[in-house]
């Protein structure tokens, strides 16, 4: 069983930055895929980024602004968010326990954190 805890969300003005953290316990995640997803009010959960053993992939909407990374010594994955826009406002969650297939689909991940709220004001 893997437990994931996100932190780092908050309120920021447009153009600002935030760094989200996803701390894992129960299993070392250094060699596993860890994804970030977000869900805005009234919308479906959507893919943001994923980091795997071979690299990282981003949604087109965040490419060039967000960076996913991991610190294996802390068993933690980060999402550095730059040039934030009001449309980035959502609850951000990290996920692990990928079962195979496309990284874009939330249903293919078994473990989720509780999420952290990111609000970007205009």
C-alpha atoms as a PDB file:
ATOM      1  CA  UNK A   1       0.000   0.000   0.000  1.00  0.00           C
ATOM      2  CA  UNK A   2       1.253   3.451  -0.916  1.00  0.00           C
ATOM      3  CA  UNK A   3       0.244   6.646   0.831  1.00  0.00           C
ATOM      4  CA  UNK A   4       0.628   9.940  -1.017  1.00  0.00           C
ATOM      5  CA  UNK A   5       0.421  13.364   0.593  1.00  0.00           C
ATOM      6  CA  UNK A   6       0.406  16.552  -1.454  1.00  0.00           C
ATOM      7  CA  UNK A   7       1.372  19.965  -0.185  1.00  0.00           C
ATOM      8  CA  UNK A   8       2.350  23.372  -1.497  1.00  0.00           C
ATOM      9  CA  UNK A   9      -0.914  24.637  -2.895  1.00  0.00           C
ATOM     10  CA  UNK A  10      -2.249  28.100  -2.214  1.00  0.00           C
ATOM     11  CA  UNK A  11      -3.414  31.381  -3.638  1.00  0.00           C
ATOM     12  CA  UNK A  12      -1.166  33.141  -6.138  1.00  0.00           C
ATOM     13  CA  UNK A  13      -1.555  35.952  -8.632  1.00  0.00           C
ATOM     14  CA  UNK A  14      -1.435  35.316 -12.336  1.00  0.00           C
ATOM     15  CA  UNK A  15       2.164  35.063 -13.488  1.00  0.00           C
ATOM     16  CA  UNK A  16       3.283  33.721 -10.152  1.00  0.00           C
ATOM     17  CA  UNK A  17       4.814  30.395  -9.181  1.00  0.00           C
ATOM     18  CA  UNK A  18       4.151  27.511  -6.844  1.00  0.00           C
ATOM     19  CA  UNK A  19       5.883  24.231  -6.120  1.00  0.00           C
ATOM     20  CA  UNK A  20       3.748  21.257  -5.217  1.00  0.00           C
ATOM     21  CA  UNK A  21       5.132  18.256  -3.376  1.00  0.00           C
ATOM     22  CA  UNK A  22       3.926  14.663  -3.354  1.00  0.00           C
ATOM     23  CA  UNK A  23       5.469  12.719  -0.492  1.00  0.00           C
ATOM     24  CA  UNK A  24       5.143   8.961  -0.654  1.00  0.00           C
ATOM     25  CA  UNK A  25       5.291   6.351   2.086  1.00  0.00           C
ATOM     26  CA  UNK A  26       4.758   2.618   2.151  1.00  0.00           C
ATOM     27  CA  UNK A  27       6.831   1.986  -0.949  1.00  0.00           C
ATOM     28  CA  UNK A  28       9.812   3.500  -2.695  1.00  0.00           C
ATOM     29  CA  UNK A  29       8.511   5.269  -5.769  1.00  0.00           C
ATOM     30  CA  UNK A  30      11.840   6.122  -7.352  1.00  0.00           C
ATOM     31  CA  UNK A  31      11.382   3.649 -10.206  1.00  0.00           C
ATOM     32  CA  UNK A  32       7.630   3.977 -10.600  1.00  0.00           C
ATOM     33  CA  UNK A  33       5.546   6.341 -12.652  1.00  0.00           C
ATOM     34  CA  UNK A  34       4.053   9.188 -10.644  1.00  0.00           C
ATOM     35  CA  UNK A  35       1.508  11.463 -12.236  1.00  0.00           C
ATOM     36  CA  UNK A  36      -0.017  14.819 -11.424  1.00  0.00           C
ATOM     37  CA  UNK A  37      -3.639  15.491 -12.266  1.00  0.00           C
ATOM     38  CA  UNK A  38      -5.956  18.398 -11.620  1.00  0.00           C
ATOM     39  CA  UNK A  39      -9.657  18.904 -11.327  1.00  0.00           C
ATOM     40  CA  UNK A  40     -11.421  22.233 -11.608  1.00  0.00           C
ATOM     41  CA  UNK A  41     -14.962  22.746 -10.286  1.00  0.00           C
ATOM     42  CA  UNK A  42     -17.495  21.130 -12.572  1.00  0.00           C
ATOM     43  CA  UNK A  43     -14.801  19.570 -14.747  1.00  0.00           C
ATOM     44  CA  UNK A  44     -13.335  16.124 -15.098  1.00  0.00           C
ATOM     45  CA  UNK A  45      -9.966  15.257 -13.679  1.00  0.00           C
ATOM     46  CA  UNK A  46      -7.296  15.929 -16.274  1.00  0.00           C
ATOM     47  CA  UNK A  47      -3.719  14.876 -16.806  1.00  0.00           C
ATOM     48  CA  UNK A  48      -1.008  17.432 -16.042  1.00  0.00           C
ATOM     49  CA  UNK A  49       2.326  15.603 -16.036  1.00  0.00           C
ATOM     50  CA  UNK A  50       3.961  12.267 -15.327  1.00  0.00           C
ATOM     51  CA  UNK A  51       7.486  11.222 -14.457  1.00  0.00           C
ATOM     52  CA  UNK A  52       8.709   7.727 -15.269  1.00  0.00           C
ATOM     53  CA  UNK A  53      11.992   5.866 -15.193  1.00  0.00           C
ATOM     54  CA  UNK A  54      12.720   7.137 -18.709  1.00  0.00           C
ATOM     55  CA  UNK A  55      11.634  10.758 -18.511  1.00  0.00           C
ATOM     56  CA  UNK A  56       8.594  13.006 -18.216  1.00  0.00           C
ATOM     57  CA  UNK A  57       5.540  13.972 -20.225  1.00  0.00           C
ATOM     58  CA  UNK A  58       3.342  17.048 -19.980  1.00  0.00           C
ATOM     59  CA  UNK A  59      -0.093  18.137 -21.051  1.00  0.00           C
ATOM     60  CA  UNK A  60       0.048  20.681 -23.860  1.00  0.00           C
ATOM     61  CA  UNK A  61      -1.636  23.258 -21.628  1.00  0.00           C
ATOM     62  CA  UNK A  62       1.289  23.277 -19.160  1.00  0.00           C
ATOM     63  CA  UNK A  63       4.230  22.432 -21.383  1.00  0.00           C
ATOM     64  CA  UNK A  64       7.007  24.967 -20.968  1.00  0.00           C
ATOM     65  CA  UNK A  65       5.525  26.301 -17.712  1.00  0.00           C
ATOM     66  CA  UNK A  66       5.451  23.256 -15.408  1.00  0.00           C
ATOM     67  CA  UNK A  67       8.310  20.938 -14.495  1.00  0.00           C
ATOM     68  CA  UNK A  68       7.956  17.577 -12.794  1.00  0.00           C
ATOM     69  CA  UNK A  69      10.903  16.147 -10.881  1.00  0.00           C
ATOM     70  CA  UNK A  70      11.681  13.730  -8.100  1.00  0.00           C
ATOM     71  CA  UNK A  71      13.998  13.493  -5.120  1.00  0.00           C
ATOM     72  CA  UNK A  72      14.608   9.817  -4.503  1.00  0.00           C
ATOM     73  CA  UNK A  73      16.300  10.494  -1.166  1.00  0.00           C
ATOM     74  CA  UNK A  74      13.025  11.989   0.076  1.00  0.00           C
ATOM     75  CA  UNK A  75      10.706   9.655  -1.849  1.00  0.00           C
ATOM     76  CA  UNK A  76       9.008  12.796  -3.134  1.00  0.00           C
ATOM     77  CA  UNK A  77       7.859  14.076  -6.504  1.00  0.00           C
ATOM     78  CA  UNK A  78       7.549  17.786  -7.221  1.00  0.00           C
ATOM     79  CA  UNK A  79       5.592  19.897  -9.654  1.00  0.00           C
ATOM     80  CA  UNK A  80       7.154  23.301 -10.218  1.00  0.00           C
ATOM     81  CA  UNK A  81       4.575  25.630 -11.721  1.00  0.00           C
ATOM     82  CA  UNK A  82       5.617  28.887 -13.368  1.00  0.00           C
ATOM     83  CA  UNK A  83       3.717  31.630 -15.193  1.00  0.00           C
ATOM     84  CA  UNK A  84       0.487  30.515 -13.608  1.00  0.00           C
ATOM     85  CA  UNK A  85      -2.792  31.444 -15.227  1.00  0.00           C
ATOM     86  CA  UNK A  86      -6.311  31.667 -13.775  1.00  0.00           C
ATOM     87  CA  UNK A  87      -7.227  28.595 -15.814  1.00  0.00           C
ATOM     88  CA  UNK A  88      -4.687  26.605 -13.796  1.00  0.00           C
ATOM     89  CA  UNK A  89      -6.981  26.928 -10.780  1.00  0.00           C
ATOM     90  CA  UNK A  90      -7.895  23.424  -9.606  1.00  0.00           C
ATOM     91  CA  UNK A  91      -7.305  20.767  -6.990  1.00  0.00           C
ATOM     92  CA  UNK A  92      -4.020  19.082  -7.864  1.00  0.00           C
ATOM     93  CA  UNK A  93      -3.491  15.436  -6.968  1.00  0.00           C
ATOM     94  CA  UNK A  94      -0.617  13.043  -7.415  1.00  0.00           C
ATOM     95  CA  UNK A  95      -1.067   9.411  -8.303  1.00  0.00           C
ATOM     96  CA  UNK A  96       0.969   6.224  -8.325  1.00  0.00           C
ATOM     97  CA  UNK A  97       0.401   2.520  -8.840  1.00  0.00           C
ATOM     98  CA  UNK A  98       0.166   2.848 -12.604  1.00  0.00           C
ATOM     99  CA  UNK A  99      -1.297  -0.336 -14.104  1.00  0.00           C
ATOM    100  CA  UNK A 100      -0.198   0.121 -17.691  1.00  0.00           C
ATOM    101  CA  UNK A 101      -1.592   1.706 -20.841  1.00  0.00           C
ATOM    102  CA  UNK A 102      -1.767   5.449 -21.323  1.00  0.00           C
ATOM    103  CA  UNK A 103      -0.451   7.716 -18.574  1.00  0.00           C
ATOM    104  CA  UNK A 104      -3.202  10.204 -19.403  1.00  0.00           C
ATOM    105  CA  UNK A 105      -6.048   8.216 -17.831  1.00  0.00           C
ATOM    106  CA  UNK A 106      -6.638   8.646 -14.089  1.00  0.00           C
ATOM    107  CA  UNK A 107      -8.436   5.322 -13.831  1.00  0.00           C
ATOM    108  CA  UNK A 108      -5.163   3.513 -14.560  1.00  0.00           C
ATOM    109  CA  UNK A 109      -3.609   4.652 -11.264  1.00  0.00           C
ATOM    110  CA  UNK A 110      -4.328   2.818  -8.015  1.00  0.00           C
ATOM    111  CA  UNK A 111      -3.079   5.249  -5.375  1.00  0.00           C
ATOM    112  CA  UNK A 112      -4.049   8.888  -4.888  1.00  0.00           C
ATOM    113  CA  UNK A 113      -3.325  11.660  -2.489  1.00  0.00           C
ATOM    114  CA  UNK A 114      -5.999  13.885  -1.007  1.00  0.00           C
ATOM    115  CA  UNK A 115      -5.166  16.808  -3.279  1.00  0.00           C
ATOM    116  CA  UNK A 116      -4.055  20.373  -2.728  1.00  0.00           C
ATOM    117  CA  UNK A 117      -5.911  23.471  -3.866  1.00  0.00           C
ATOM    118  CA  UNK A 118      -4.244  25.875  -6.283  1.00  0.00           C
ATOM    119  CA  UNK A 119      -6.017  29.159  -6.913  1.00  0.00           C
ATOM    120  CA  UNK A 120      -4.675  31.687  -9.408  1.00  0.00           C
ATOM    121  CA  UNK A 121      -6.200  35.134  -9.291  1.00  0.00           C
ATOM    122  CA  UNK A 122      -6.311  37.454 -12.281  1.00  0.00           C
END
